[in-house]
Amino acid sequence: MSGKGPFYIAREQFGPNKGGEWNRYIKWSGLTQLHELVSQDGMLCPTVLPEIKDEYWPHIVREDYMLFYFTDLEYLLKQVSGIAEKNLLCLFLNPTVQPIAPPAAVQFSFLGYDLIEVTGDISALSNCGGFPKAFDNSELNEVGLLSDLIRAREVQARLREFYPKEHHANCDVWAIFRAEGI
């Protein structure tokens, strides 16, 4: 598999438990099919570890825009063990085939693909109000992701084709798996 990963991150949960904030988001986005949003979007689902501590450096990806991503799952698990409400994610950046989560101390389930701006952390799928020439909001699954890699790649190409001046439309494809039962 080409692409990069696996990487790991723990993000805040965003769903009906957020009350009015969730209701406002659903009204604004029109994504009424969502049961929860699981995304790489840093505004909607920020990391639960917002500070990069010196001791993280041997355990994180040391590249532009990727400093919050861990390469060492066991280390990340220790860092977030006291945080009850979180989504622990296993991620693959720009896969060319359907990735498989590696065997780990926790079981990961595949959720889908997000499209995140290349030089930031905004989702073109769930935080831009929609791009109707690239995809229909009804294509997103119950957690706000595209379920098929081929379709995610098509949407990525269409975003670049039809919205070349929109910086949120210049996206990477991220495969997202979520840890179960932690």
C-alpha atoms as a PDB file:
ATOM      1  CA  MET A   1       0.000   0.000   0.000  1.00  0.00           C
ATOM      2  CA  SER A   2       1.396   3.374  -0.869  1.00  0.00           C
ATOM      3  CA  GLY A   3       0.462   6.374   1.178  1.00  0.00           C
ATOM      4  CA  LYS A   4       1.526   6.958   4.752  1.00  0.00           C
ATOM      5  CA  GLY A   5       0.525   5.431   8.043  1.00  0.00           C
ATOM      6  CA  PRO A   6      -0.633   4.117  10.285  1.00  0.00           C
ATOM      7  CA  PHE A   7      -0.790   7.235  12.421  1.00  0.00           C
ATOM      8  CA  TYR A   8      -2.756   7.605  15.629  1.00  0.00           C
ATOM      9  CA  ILE A   9      -4.577  10.522  17.212  1.00  0.00           C
ATOM     10  CA  ALA A  10      -7.182  11.004  19.911  1.00  0.00           C
ATOM     11  CA  ARG A  11      -9.922  13.478  19.016  1.00  0.00           C
ATOM     12  CA  GLU A  12     -12.827  14.935  20.948  1.00  0.00           C
ATOM     13  CA  GLN A  13     -16.170  13.302  20.282  1.00  0.00           C
ATOM     14  CA  PHE A  14     -18.749  15.431  18.486  1.00  0.00           C
ATOM     15  CA  GLY A  15     -22.324  14.235  18.526  1.00  0.00           C
ATOM     16  CA  PRO A  16     -25.702  14.652  20.211  1.00  0.00           C
ATOM     17  CA  ASN A  17     -23.960  14.717  23.609  1.00  0.00           C
ATOM     18  CA  LYS A  18     -22.840  18.275  22.704  1.00  0.00           C
ATOM     19  CA  GLY A  19     -26.475  19.489  22.886  1.00  0.00           C
ATOM     20  CA  GLY A  20     -27.057  22.887  21.305  1.00  0.00           C
ATOM     21  CA  GLU A  21     -23.661  22.952  19.602  1.00  0.00           C
ATOM     22  CA  TRP A  22     -24.523  19.681  17.820  1.00  0.00           C
ATOM     23  CA  ASN A  23     -28.034  20.870  16.930  1.00  0.00           C
ATOM     24  CA  ARG A  24     -26.661  24.104  15.440  1.00  0.00           C
ATOM     25  CA  TYR A  25     -24.102  22.142  13.454  1.00  0.00           C
ATOM     26  CA  ILE A  26     -26.724  19.767  12.009  1.00  0.00           C
ATOM     27  CA  LYS A  27     -28.971  22.697  11.096  1.00  0.00           C
ATOM     28  CA  TRP A  28     -26.093  24.582   9.425  1.00  0.00           C
ATOM     29  CA  SER A  29     -24.607  21.572   7.615  1.00  0.00           C
ATOM     30  CA  GLY A  30     -27.849  19.816   6.648  1.00  0.00           C
ATOM     31  CA  LEU A  31     -26.154  16.499   7.495  1.00  0.00           C
ATOM     32  CA  THR A  32     -29.229  15.057   9.170  1.00  0.00           C
ATOM     33  CA  GLN A  33     -28.037  11.479   8.588  1.00  0.00           C
ATOM     34  CA  LEU A  34     -25.229  11.874  11.132  1.00  0.00           C
ATOM     35  CA  HIS A  35     -25.353   9.986  14.420  1.00  0.00           C
ATOM     36  CA  GLU A  36     -21.948  11.441  15.318  1.00  0.00           C
ATOM     37  CA  LEU A  37     -19.182  13.203  13.423  1.00  0.00           C
ATOM     38  CA  VAL A  38     -15.853  11.388  13.364  1.00  0.00           C
ATOM     39  CA  SER A  39     -13.424  13.551  11.477  1.00  0.00           C
ATOM     40  CA  GLN A  40      -9.891  14.774  11.136  1.00  0.00           C
ATOM     41  CA  ASP A  41     -11.369  18.283  11.244  1.00  0.00           C
ATOM     42  CA  GLY A  42      -9.552  20.120  14.015  1.00  0.00           C
ATOM     43  CA  MET A  43     -12.294  22.695  14.531  1.00  0.00           C
ATOM     44  CA  LEU A  44     -15.134  20.215  14.937  1.00  0.00           C
ATOM     45  CA  CYS A  45     -13.171  17.362  16.522  1.00  0.00           C
ATOM     46  CA  PRO A  46     -10.056  18.869  18.104  1.00  0.00           C
ATOM     47  CA  THR A  47      -7.253  16.729  19.454  1.00  0.00           C
ATOM     48  CA  VAL A  48      -7.543  15.859  23.135  1.00  0.00           C
ATOM     49  CA  LEU A  49      -3.796  16.575  23.491  1.00  0.00           C
ATOM     50  CA  PRO A  50      -3.507  20.163  22.208  1.00  0.00           C
ATOM     51  CA  GLU A  51      -0.025  20.769  23.641  1.00  0.00           C
ATOM     52  CA  ILE A  52       3.018  19.150  22.032  1.00  0.00           C
ATOM     53  CA  LYS A  53       5.174  18.205  25.008  1.00  0.00           C
ATOM     54  CA  ASP A  54       8.917  17.732  24.649  1.00  0.00           C
ATOM     55  CA  GLU A  55       8.601  14.057  25.582  1.00  0.00           C
ATOM     56  CA  TYR A  56       6.248  13.496  22.607  1.00  0.00           C
ATOM     57  CA  TRP A  57       8.938  14.133  19.985  1.00  0.00           C
ATOM     58  CA  PRO A  58      10.210  10.519  19.716  1.00  0.00           C
ATOM     59  CA  HIS A  59       6.598   9.315  19.368  1.00  0.00           C
ATOM     60  CA  ILE A  60       5.023  11.749  16.872  1.00  0.00           C
ATOM     61  CA  VAL A  61       5.192  12.427  13.150  1.00  0.00           C
ATOM     62  CA  ARG A  62       7.665  15.247  12.727  1.00  0.00           C
ATOM     63  CA  GLU A  63       6.390  16.757   9.496  1.00  0.00           C
ATOM     64  CA  ASP A  64       4.542  19.954   8.634  1.00  0.00           C
ATOM     65  CA  TYR A  65       0.889  19.870   9.683  1.00  0.00           C
ATOM     66  CA  MET A  66       1.305  16.454  11.368  1.00  0.00           C
ATOM     67  CA  LEU A  67       2.775  17.197  14.799  1.00  0.00           C
ATOM     68  CA  PHE A  68      -0.331  15.948  16.646  1.00  0.00           C
ATOM     69  CA  TYR A  69      -0.150  12.493  15.040  1.00  0.00           C
ATOM     70  CA  PHE A  70       1.529   9.676  16.924  1.00  0.00           C
ATOM     71  CA  THR A  71       3.446   6.757  15.423  1.00  0.00           C
ATOM     72  CA  ASP A  72       3.553   4.892  18.736  1.00  0.00           C
ATOM     73  CA  LEU A  73       0.084   3.647  19.691  1.00  0.00           C
ATOM     74  CA  GLU A  74       1.123   2.291  23.083  1.00  0.00           C
ATOM     75  CA  TYR A  75       2.587   5.662  24.042  1.00  0.00           C
ATOM     76  CA  LEU A  76      -0.552   7.504  22.925  1.00  0.00           C
ATOM     77  CA  LEU A  77      -2.750   5.095  24.872  1.00  0.00           C
ATOM     78  CA  LYS A  78      -0.840   5.978  28.051  1.00  0.00           C
ATOM     79  CA  GLN A  79      -1.205   9.711  27.349  1.00  0.00           C
ATOM     80  CA  VAL A  80      -4.985   9.565  26.898  1.00  0.00           C
ATOM     81  CA  SER A  81      -5.867   6.855  29.429  1.00  0.00           C
ATOM     82  CA  GLY A  82      -7.448   9.374  31.817  1.00  0.00           C
ATOM     83  CA  ILE A  83      -9.628  11.011  29.163  1.00  0.00           C
ATOM     84  CA  ALA A  84     -13.039   9.345  29.139  1.00  0.00           C
ATOM     85  CA  GLU A  85     -14.759  10.804  26.077  1.00  0.00           C
ATOM     86  CA  LYS A  86     -12.519  10.504  23.045  1.00  0.00           C
ATOM     87  CA  ASN A  87     -12.235   8.887  19.677  1.00  0.00           C
ATOM     88  CA  LEU A  88      -8.935   7.069  19.328  1.00  0.00           C
ATOM     89  CA  LEU A  89      -8.250   6.914  15.607  1.00  0.00           C
ATOM     90  CA  CYS A  90      -5.911   4.921  13.386  1.00  0.00           C
ATOM     91  CA  LEU A  91      -5.266   6.812  10.152  1.00  0.00           C
ATOM     92  CA  PHE A  92      -3.739   6.330   6.746  1.00  0.00           C
ATOM     93  CA  LEU A  93      -2.856   9.323   4.561  1.00  0.00           C
ATOM     94  CA  ASN A  94      -3.581   9.093   0.818  1.00  0.00           C
ATOM     95  CA  PRO A  95      -3.934   5.303   0.565  1.00  0.00           C
ATOM     96  CA  THR A  96      -4.103   3.830  -2.910  1.00  0.00           C
ATOM     97  CA  VAL A  97      -5.826   0.633  -1.740  1.00  0.00           C
ATOM     98  CA  GLN A  98      -8.166  -0.054   1.177  1.00  0.00           C
ATOM     99  CA  PRO A  99      -5.854  -0.100   4.213  1.00  0.00           C
ATOM    100  CA  ILE A 100      -6.077  -2.563   7.062  1.00  0.00           C
ATOM    101  CA  ALA A 101      -5.491  -1.491  10.629  1.00  0.00           C
ATOM    102  CA  PRO A 102      -2.487  -3.293  12.091  1.00  0.00           C
ATOM    103  CA  PRO A 103      -2.879  -5.720  14.965  1.00  0.00           C
ATOM    104  CA  ALA A 104      -2.774  -3.711  18.177  1.00  0.00           C
ATOM    105  CA  ALA A 105      -3.659  -3.661  21.850  1.00  0.00           C
ATOM    106  CA  VAL A 106      -7.055  -2.296  20.806  1.00  0.00           C
ATOM    107  CA  GLN A 107      -9.397  -3.348  17.997  1.00  0.00           C
ATOM    108  CA  PHE A 108      -9.939  -0.759  15.243  1.00  0.00           C
ATOM    109  CA  SER A 109     -13.011  -0.653  12.981  1.00  0.00           C
ATOM    110  CA  PHE A 110     -12.996   1.058   9.598  1.00  0.00           C
ATOM    111  CA  LEU A 111     -15.330   4.077   9.416  1.00  0.00           C
ATOM    112  CA  GLY A 112     -14.579   5.701   6.058  1.00  0.00           C
ATOM    113  CA  TYR A 113     -12.587   8.420   4.323  1.00  0.00           C
ATOM    114  CA  ASP A 114     -12.277  12.096   5.138  1.00  0.00           C
ATOM    115  CA  LEU A 115     -10.922  14.808   2.828  1.00  0.00           C
ATOM    116  CA  ILE A 116      -8.793  17.273   4.777  1.00  0.00           C
ATOM    117  CA  GLU A 117      -7.131  20.365   3.349  1.00  0.00           C
ATOM    118  CA  VAL A 118      -3.453  19.728   2.598  1.00  0.00           C
ATOM    119  CA  THR A 119      -2.061  22.608   4.665  1.00  0.00           C
ATOM    120  CA  GLY A 120      -4.478  22.529   7.560  1.00  0.00           C
ATOM    121  CA  ASP A 121      -7.116  20.506   9.297  1.00  0.00           C
ATOM    122  CA  ILE A 122     -10.485  21.474   7.821  1.00  0.00           C
ATOM    123  CA  SER A 123     -12.700  18.778   6.311  1.00  0.00           C
ATOM    124  CA  ALA A 124     -14.090  19.523   2.868  1.00  0.00           C
ATOM    125  CA  LEU A 125     -16.788  16.939   3.599  1.00  0.00           C
ATOM    126  CA  SER A 126     -18.158  18.192   6.893  1.00  0.00           C
ATOM    127  CA  ASN A 127     -16.980  21.755   7.567  1.00  0.00           C
ATOM    128  CA  CYS A 128     -17.273  23.757   4.371  1.00  0.00           C
ATOM    129  CA  GLY A 129     -21.012  23.863   3.769  1.00  0.00           C
ATOM    130  CA  GLY A 130     -20.781  21.408   0.890  1.00  0.00           C
ATOM    131  CA  PHE A 131     -19.271  21.362  -2.574  1.00  0.00           C
ATOM    132  CA  PRO A 132     -22.197  20.292  -4.794  1.00  0.00           C
ATOM    133  CA  LYS A 133     -20.125  19.961  -7.979  1.00  0.00           C
ATOM    134  CA  ALA A 134     -17.875  17.434  -6.200  1.00  0.00           C
ATOM    135  CA  PHE A 135     -20.248  15.423  -3.996  1.00  0.00           C
ATOM    136  CA  ASP A 136     -23.708  15.402  -2.517  1.00  0.00           C
ATOM    137  CA  ASN A 137     -23.997  15.658   1.259  1.00  0.00           C
ATOM    138  CA  SER A 138     -26.261  12.585   1.210  1.00  0.00           C
ATOM    139  CA  GLU A 139     -23.216  10.501   0.178  1.00  0.00           C
ATOM    140  CA  LEU A 140     -21.708  10.865   3.633  1.00  0.00           C
ATOM    141  CA  ASN A 141     -22.288   7.996   6.033  1.00  0.00           C
ATOM    142  CA  GLU A 142     -23.642   8.242   9.603  1.00  0.00           C
ATOM    143  CA  VAL A 143     -20.285   9.552  10.897  1.00  0.00           C
ATOM    144  CA  GLY A 144     -19.742  12.079   8.076  1.00  0.00           C
ATOM    145  CA  LEU A 145     -17.329  10.125   5.905  1.00  0.00           C
ATOM    146  CA  LEU A 146     -17.253   8.610   2.438  1.00  0.00           C
ATOM    147  CA  SER A 147     -17.356   4.828   2.628  1.00  0.00           C
ATOM    148  CA  ASP A 148     -15.473   3.989  -0.580  1.00  0.00           C
ATOM    149  CA  LEU A 149     -11.856   4.824  -1.505  1.00  0.00           C
ATOM    150  CA  ILE A 150     -12.590   5.097  -5.232  1.00  0.00           C
ATOM    151  CA  ARG A 151     -15.350   7.606  -4.524  1.00  0.00           C
ATOM    152  CA  ALA A 152     -13.118   9.525  -2.091  1.00  0.00           C
ATOM    153  CA  ARG A 153     -10.457   9.818  -4.821  1.00  0.00           C
ATOM    154  CA  GLU A 154     -13.114  10.977  -7.326  1.00  0.00           C
ATOM    155  CA  VAL A 155     -14.343  13.630  -4.884  1.00  0.00           C
ATOM    156  CA  GLN A 156     -10.750  14.730  -4.263  1.00  0.00           C
ATOM    157  CA  ALA A 157     -10.209  15.194  -8.030  1.00  0.00           C
ATOM    158  CA  ARG A 158     -13.560  16.972  -8.494  1.00  0.00           C
ATOM    159  CA  LEU A 159     -12.830  19.372  -5.629  1.00  0.00           C
ATOM    160  CA  ARG A 160      -9.572  20.370  -7.298  1.00  0.00           C
ATOM    161  CA  GLU A 161     -11.204  20.591 -10.730  1.00  0.00           C
ATOM    162  CA  PHE A 162     -14.315  22.592  -9.840  1.00  0.00           C
ATOM    163  CA  TYR A 163     -13.022  24.646  -6.890  1.00  0.00           C
ATOM    164  CA  PRO A 164      -9.384  25.476  -7.757  1.00  0.00           C
ATOM    165  CA  LYS A 165      -9.344  28.771  -5.838  1.00  0.00           C
ATOM    166  CA  GLU A 166     -10.860  27.325  -2.651  1.00  0.00           C
ATOM    167  CA  HIS A 167      -7.978  26.311  -0.354  1.00  0.00           C
ATOM    168  CA  HIS A 168     -10.205  23.882   1.600  1.00  0.00           C
ATOM    169  CA  ALA A 169     -10.737  21.975  -1.673  1.00  0.00           C
ATOM    170  CA  ASN A 170      -7.051  21.067  -2.034  1.00  0.00           C
ATOM    171  CA  CYS A 171      -7.329  17.908   0.063  1.00  0.00           C
ATOM    172  CA  ASP A 172      -5.631  14.754   1.154  1.00  0.00           C
ATOM    173  CA  VAL A 173      -7.632  11.562   1.578  1.00  0.00           C
ATOM    174  CA  TRP A 174      -7.514  10.065   5.077  1.00  0.00           C
ATOM    175  CA  ALA A 175      -8.697   6.531   5.874  1.00  0.00           C
ATOM    176  CA  ILE A 176     -10.152   6.510   9.384  1.00  0.00           C
ATOM    177  CA  PHE A 177     -10.433   3.586  11.776  1.00  0.00           C
ATOM    178  CA  ARG A 178     -11.770   3.988  15.325  1.00  0.00           C
ATOM    179  CA  ALA A 179     -10.740   2.015  18.396  1.00  0.00           C
ATOM    180  CA  GLU A 180     -13.589   0.008  19.854  1.00  0.00           C
ATOM    181  CA  GLY A 181     -14.241  -0.585  23.519  1.00  0.00           C
ATOM    182  CA  ILE A 182     -11.711   1.739  25.099  1.00  0.00           C
END
